[in-house]
Amino acid sequence: MQSQFPRTGRRRPSPAPGEHPGARAHAHPRGPDPAIAPRAIGKYLVSPLIQVLENGWFASSVSIRSGSGSTTTDRILRLTRLFQSRTEAASFAHAEGLQWISAAGRPSAAWALPVT
């Protein structure tokens, strides 16, 4: 089903099979922005989540997903820093996700203590 853009009369393309109907409305105006795209790192999928605030600044969170099917785990880290651009916010979210993954692979200090 195709709908029309308001006032212009041009037709809006139908979503691709499996694509969310509103997905294109949130796309980068010059095409997909690689800084915001999810990245597969080993068994994890790291996806930045960017939100525009009322004051024009950008807040970021990061989704770290692992597993599949009924064993899927998705961790959402809400980050407190604000940014002036979407790309800066996404880059920071990716970096924080990578830091979380590297820390998750290391044993904690409690496991390194000798048992007496």
N, C-alpha and C. Protein backbone atom coordinates (compact mmCIF):
# COMPACT_ATOMS: atom_id res chain seq x y z
N MET A 1 0.84 -1.17 0.00
CA MET A 1 0.00 0.00 0.00
C MET A 1 0.89 1.24 0.00
N GLN A 2 0.61 2.15 -0.88
CA GLN A 2 1.40 3.37 -0.94
C GLN A 2 0.54 4.54 -0.48
N SER A 3 1.15 5.38 0.33
CA SER A 3 0.45 6.58 0.76
C SER A 3 1.12 7.79 0.11
N GLN A 4 0.46 8.93 0.18
CA GLN A 4 1.02 10.12 -0.44
C GLN A 4 1.65 11.02 0.61
N PHE A 5 2.72 11.70 0.21
CA PHE A 5 3.32 12.70 1.07
C PHE A 5 2.34 13.86 1.19
N PRO A 6 2.22 14.48 2.36
CA PRO A 6 1.32 15.62 2.47
C PRO A 6 1.76 16.75 1.54
N ARG A 7 0.84 17.38 0.90
CA ARG A 7 1.00 18.58 0.07
C ARG A 7 1.71 18.35 -1.26
N THR A 8 2.58 17.38 -1.40
CA THR A 8 3.34 17.24 -2.63
C THR A 8 2.68 16.32 -3.64
N GLY A 9 1.90 15.36 -3.15
CA GLY A 9 1.27 14.42 -4.05
C GLY A 9 2.19 13.30 -4.50
N ARG A 10 3.49 13.36 -4.14
CA ARG A 10 4.40 12.28 -4.50
C ARG A 10 4.06 11.03 -3.69
N ARG A 11 4.32 9.89 -4.26
CA ARG A 11 4.03 8.64 -3.58
C ARG A 11 5.18 8.22 -2.69
N ARG A 12 4.84 7.75 -1.51
CA ARG A 12 5.82 7.21 -0.56
C ARG A 12 6.00 5.73 -0.90
N PRO A 13 7.25 5.24 -1.00
CA PRO A 13 7.45 3.83 -1.35
C PRO A 13 6.96 2.91 -0.24
N SER A 14 6.47 1.76 -0.64
CA SER A 14 6.02 0.77 0.34
C SER A 14 7.24 0.20 1.05
N PRO A 15 7.07 -0.22 2.32
CA PRO A 15 8.20 -0.82 3.02
C PRO A 15 8.59 -2.15 2.38
N ALA A 16 9.86 -2.48 2.44
CA ALA A 16 10.34 -3.76 1.93
C ALA A 16 9.77 -4.88 2.80
N PRO A 17 9.69 -6.10 2.27
CA PRO A 17 9.19 -7.21 3.08
C PRO A 17 10.01 -7.34 4.37
N GLY A 18 9.33 -7.42 5.49
CA GLY A 18 10.00 -7.56 6.79
C GLY A 18 10.46 -6.24 7.39
N GLU A 19 10.32 -5.14 6.67
CA GLU A 19 10.76 -3.84 7.17
C GLU A 19 9.62 -3.17 7.94
N HIS A 20 9.95 -2.55 9.05
CA HIS A 20 8.95 -1.83 9.84
C HIS A 20 8.45 -0.65 9.01
N PRO A 21 7.13 -0.40 8.98
CA PRO A 21 6.61 0.69 8.14
C PRO A 21 7.20 2.06 8.42
N GLY A 22 7.60 2.35 9.66
CA GLY A 22 8.15 3.66 9.98
C GLY A 22 9.66 3.73 9.92
N ALA A 23 10.32 2.64 9.50
CA ALA A 23 11.78 2.59 9.53
C ALA A 23 12.42 3.65 8.65
N ARG A 24 11.85 3.91 7.49
CA ARG A 24 12.45 4.88 6.57
C ARG A 24 12.28 6.31 7.06
N ALA A 25 11.29 6.55 7.89
CA ALA A 25 11.08 7.90 8.41
C ALA A 25 12.22 8.32 9.32
N HIS A 26 12.92 7.34 9.92
CA HIS A 26 14.00 7.64 10.84
C HIS A 26 15.37 7.46 10.20
N ALA A 27 15.40 7.18 8.91
CA ALA A 27 16.67 6.96 8.22
C ALA A 27 17.43 8.27 8.07
N HIS A 28 18.73 8.16 7.95
CA HIS A 28 19.58 9.32 7.74
C HIS A 28 19.22 9.92 6.38
N PRO A 29 19.13 11.25 6.25
CA PRO A 29 18.69 11.86 4.99
C PRO A 29 19.57 11.54 3.79
N ARG A 30 20.85 11.24 4.00
CA ARG A 30 21.73 10.92 2.88
C ARG A 30 21.98 9.41 2.79
N GLY A 31 21.09 8.61 3.33
CA GLY A 31 21.27 7.17 3.33
C GLY A 31 21.66 6.69 4.71
N PRO A 32 21.88 5.39 4.87
CA PRO A 32 22.20 4.86 6.18
C PRO A 32 23.52 5.42 6.70
N ASP A 33 23.55 5.79 7.95
CA ASP A 33 24.75 6.32 8.58
C ASP A 33 25.52 5.16 9.20
N PRO A 34 26.72 4.84 8.69
CA PRO A 34 27.46 3.69 9.21
C PRO A 34 27.84 3.83 10.68
N ALA A 35 27.93 5.05 11.20
CA ALA A 35 28.27 5.24 12.61
C ALA A 35 27.15 4.75 13.52
N ILE A 36 25.92 4.73 13.01
CA ILE A 36 24.78 4.35 13.83
C ILE A 36 24.39 2.89 13.61
N ALA A 37 24.93 2.26 12.61
CA ALA A 37 24.57 0.88 12.29
C ALA A 37 25.03 -0.08 13.39
N PRO A 38 24.24 -1.12 13.66
CA PRO A 38 24.67 -2.14 14.62
C PRO A 38 25.93 -2.84 14.13
N ARG A 39 26.77 -3.29 15.07
CA ARG A 39 28.01 -3.99 14.72
C ARG A 39 28.04 -5.33 15.44
N ALA A 40 28.37 -6.37 14.69
CA ALA A 40 28.54 -7.69 15.28
C ALA A 40 29.98 -7.82 15.75
N ILE A 41 30.15 -8.11 17.04
CA ILE A 41 31.47 -8.31 17.63
C ILE A 41 31.44 -9.66 18.32
N GLY A 42 32.05 -10.66 17.68
CA GLY A 42 32.01 -12.01 18.24
C GLY A 42 30.57 -12.49 18.35
N LYS A 43 30.19 -12.92 19.54
CA LYS A 43 28.82 -13.41 19.74
C LYS A 43 27.83 -12.30 20.08
N TYR A 44 28.29 -11.06 20.11
CA TYR A 44 27.46 -9.92 20.51
C TYR A 44 27.05 -9.06 19.31
N LEU A 45 25.89 -8.44 19.42
CA LEU A 45 25.46 -7.42 18.47
C LEU A 45 25.33 -6.12 19.26
N VAL A 46 26.15 -5.14 18.91
CA VAL A 46 26.19 -3.86 19.63
C VAL A 46 25.45 -2.82 18.78
N SER A 47 24.37 -2.25 19.33
CA SER A 47 23.55 -1.30 18.61
C SER A 47 23.39 -0.02 19.40
N PRO A 48 23.85 1.11 18.86
CA PRO A 48 23.62 2.38 19.56
C PRO A 48 22.16 2.79 19.44
N LEU A 49 21.64 3.39 20.49
CA LEU A 49 20.27 3.89 20.51
C LEU A 49 20.37 5.38 20.79
N ILE A 50 20.01 6.21 19.83
CA ILE A 50 20.20 7.65 19.92
C ILE A 50 18.84 8.33 20.01
N GLN A 51 18.74 9.31 20.90
CA GLN A 51 17.50 10.06 21.07
C GLN A 51 17.80 11.55 21.03
N VAL A 52 17.02 12.29 20.26
CA VAL A 52 17.16 13.75 20.21
C VAL A 52 16.36 14.33 21.37
N LEU A 53 16.99 15.19 22.15
CA LEU A 53 16.33 15.83 23.28
C LEU A 53 15.65 17.12 22.83
N GLU A 54 14.80 17.66 23.67
CA GLU A 54 14.07 18.89 23.34
C GLU A 54 15.00 20.07 23.05
N ASN A 55 16.18 20.08 23.70
CA ASN A 55 17.11 21.19 23.51
C ASN A 55 18.02 21.02 22.29
N GLY A 56 17.81 19.93 21.52
CA GLY A 56 18.60 19.71 20.31
C GLY A 56 19.84 18.85 20.53
N TRP A 57 20.18 18.54 21.76
CA TRP A 57 21.31 17.67 22.05
C TRP A 57 20.89 16.21 21.87
N PHE A 58 21.85 15.30 21.86
CA PHE A 58 21.59 13.89 21.64
C PHE A 58 22.00 13.08 22.86
N ALA A 59 21.13 12.19 23.29
CA ALA A 59 21.41 11.25 24.38
C ALA A 59 21.64 9.88 23.74
N SER A 60 22.45 9.05 24.38
CA SER A 60 22.70 7.74 23.80
C SER A 60 22.56 6.64 24.84
N SER A 61 22.18 5.49 24.34
CA SER A 61 22.17 4.24 25.08
C SER A 61 22.78 3.22 24.13
N VAL A 62 23.08 2.04 24.65
CA VAL A 62 23.61 1.00 23.78
C VAL A 62 22.95 -0.33 24.15
N SER A 63 22.57 -1.07 23.12
CA SER A 63 22.01 -2.41 23.29
C SER A 63 23.11 -3.41 22.98
N ILE A 64 23.30 -4.38 23.89
CA ILE A 64 24.28 -5.44 23.70
C ILE A 64 23.51 -6.75 23.73
N ARG A 65 23.35 -7.35 22.56
CA ARG A 65 22.53 -8.55 22.44
C ARG A 65 23.41 -9.77 22.21
N SER A 66 23.05 -10.87 22.84
CA SER A 66 23.74 -12.13 22.61
C SER A 66 22.73 -13.26 22.64
N GLY A 67 23.11 -14.39 22.08
CA GLY A 67 22.23 -15.54 22.03
C GLY A 67 21.25 -15.45 20.88
N SER A 68 20.38 -16.45 20.81
CA SER A 68 19.35 -16.45 19.77
C SER A 68 18.14 -17.22 20.27
N GLY A 69 17.02 -16.95 19.65
CA GLY A 69 15.78 -17.64 20.02
C GLY A 69 15.39 -17.36 21.46
N SER A 70 15.03 -18.40 22.17
CA SER A 70 14.56 -18.24 23.55
C SER A 70 15.70 -17.94 24.52
N THR A 71 16.94 -18.05 24.08
CA THR A 71 18.07 -17.75 24.96
C THR A 71 18.69 -16.38 24.66
N THR A 72 17.99 -15.53 23.95
CA THR A 72 18.50 -14.20 23.63
C THR A 72 18.53 -13.34 24.89
N THR A 73 19.63 -12.66 25.10
CA THR A 73 19.77 -11.70 26.19
C THR A 73 20.11 -10.36 25.59
N ASP A 74 19.39 -9.32 26.00
CA ASP A 74 19.64 -7.98 25.48
C ASP A 74 19.86 -7.06 26.68
N ARG A 75 21.07 -6.53 26.80
CA ARG A 75 21.40 -5.60 27.87
C ARG A 75 21.34 -4.20 27.30
N ILE A 76 20.68 -3.30 28.00
CA ILE A 76 20.60 -1.91 27.57
C ILE A 76 21.35 -1.08 28.60
N LEU A 77 22.38 -0.37 28.15
CA LEU A 77 23.12 0.53 29.02
C LEU A 77 22.70 1.95 28.70
N ARG A 78 22.15 2.64 29.67
CA ARG A 78 21.75 4.04 29.47
C ARG A 78 22.95 4.90 29.85
N LEU A 79 23.42 5.69 28.91
CA LEU A 79 24.62 6.51 29.11
C LEU A 79 24.20 7.93 29.47
N THR A 80 24.98 8.59 30.31
CA THR A 80 24.57 9.89 30.84
C THR A 80 25.13 11.08 30.09
N ARG A 81 26.16 10.88 29.28
CA ARG A 81 26.76 11.99 28.55
C ARG A 81 25.86 12.48 27.43
N LEU A 82 25.87 13.77 27.14
CA LEU A 82 25.09 14.35 26.03
C LEU A 82 26.03 14.81 24.93
N PHE A 83 25.53 14.83 23.70
CA PHE A 83 26.35 15.14 22.53
C PHE A 83 25.64 16.13 21.63
N GLN A 84 26.45 16.84 20.83
CA GLN A 84 25.89 17.82 19.90
C GLN A 84 25.56 17.21 18.55
N SER A 85 26.03 15.98 18.29
CA SER A 85 25.70 15.35 17.01
C SER A 85 25.32 13.89 17.22
N ARG A 86 24.52 13.38 16.30
CA ARG A 86 24.08 11.99 16.34
C ARG A 86 25.28 11.05 16.19
N THR A 87 26.23 11.41 15.32
CA THR A 87 27.39 10.56 15.08
C THR A 87 28.27 10.46 16.32
N GLU A 88 28.49 11.57 17.03
CA GLU A 88 29.29 11.53 18.27
C GLU A 88 28.61 10.63 19.30
N ALA A 89 27.30 10.75 19.44
CA ALA A 89 26.55 9.94 20.40
C ALA A 89 26.66 8.46 20.05
N ALA A 90 26.54 8.13 18.77
CA ALA A 90 26.63 6.73 18.34
C ALA A 90 28.03 6.17 18.55
N SER A 91 29.05 6.97 18.25
CA SER A 91 30.43 6.51 18.44
C SER A 91 30.72 6.22 19.91
N PHE A 92 30.23 7.10 20.78
CA PHE A 92 30.42 6.89 22.22
C PHE A 92 29.68 5.63 22.67
N ALA A 93 28.46 5.43 22.18
CA ALA A 93 27.68 4.23 22.55
C ALA A 93 28.40 2.96 22.09
N HIS A 94 28.93 2.96 20.85
CA HIS A 94 29.68 1.79 20.38
C HIS A 94 30.89 1.53 21.28
N ALA A 95 31.62 2.59 21.62
CA ALA A 95 32.82 2.43 22.46
C ALA A 95 32.45 1.86 23.83
N GLU A 96 31.37 2.35 24.42
CA GLU A 96 30.94 1.84 25.73
C GLU A 96 30.51 0.38 25.63
N GLY A 97 29.84 0.02 24.53
CA GLY A 97 29.45 -1.37 24.31
C GLY A 97 30.67 -2.28 24.20
N LEU A 98 31.68 -1.83 23.46
CA LEU A 98 32.91 -2.62 23.32
C LEU A 98 33.62 -2.76 24.67
N GLN A 99 33.61 -1.69 25.46
CA GLN A 99 34.23 -1.75 26.79
C GLN A 99 33.49 -2.76 27.67
N TRP A 100 32.16 -2.79 27.59
CA TRP A 100 31.38 -3.73 28.38
C TRP A 100 31.70 -5.16 27.96
N ILE A 101 31.80 -5.39 26.64
CA ILE A 101 32.11 -6.74 26.14
C ILE A 101 33.48 -7.20 26.62
N SER A 102 34.48 -6.31 26.56
CA SER A 102 35.82 -6.71 26.99
C SER A 102 35.84 -6.98 28.49
N ALA A 103 35.08 -6.23 29.27
CA ALA A 103 35.02 -6.46 30.72
C ALA A 103 34.25 -7.75 31.02
N ALA A 104 33.26 -8.09 30.21
CA ALA A 104 32.48 -9.30 30.44
C ALA A 104 33.32 -10.55 30.20
N GLY A 105 34.33 -10.45 29.35
CA GLY A 105 35.18 -11.60 29.06
C GLY A 105 36.26 -11.84 30.09
N ARG A 106 36.50 -10.88 30.97
CA ARG A 106 37.53 -11.03 32.00
C ARG A 106 36.90 -11.53 33.30
N PRO A 107 37.59 -12.41 34.02
CA PRO A 107 37.06 -12.82 35.32
C PRO A 107 37.12 -11.66 36.31
N SER A 108 36.17 -11.61 37.20
CA SER A 108 36.17 -10.54 38.19
C SER A 108 37.25 -10.81 39.24
N ALA A 109 37.59 -9.79 40.00
CA ALA A 109 38.63 -9.90 41.02
C ALA A 109 38.25 -10.93 42.08
N ALA A 110 36.97 -11.08 42.38
CA ALA A 110 36.55 -12.04 43.41
C ALA A 110 36.92 -13.47 43.02
N TRP A 111 36.91 -13.79 41.74
CA TRP A 111 37.26 -15.14 41.30
C TRP A 111 38.75 -15.38 41.36
N ALA A 112 39.55 -14.33 41.41
CA ALA A 112 41.00 -14.48 41.41
C ALA A 112 41.57 -14.67 42.81
N LEU A 113 40.76 -14.48 43.84
CA LEU A 113 41.26 -14.63 45.21
C LEU A 113 41.51 -16.09 45.54
N PRO A 114 42.62 -16.39 46.22
CA PRO A 114 42.90 -17.78 46.59
C PRO A 114 41.92 -18.24 47.67
N VAL A 115 41.57 -19.49 47.60
CA VAL A 115 40.69 -20.09 48.59
C VAL A 115 41.54 -20.66 49.71
N THR A 116 41.24 -20.30 50.97
CA THR A 116 42.04 -20.82 52.10
C THR A 116 41.25 -21.73 52.97
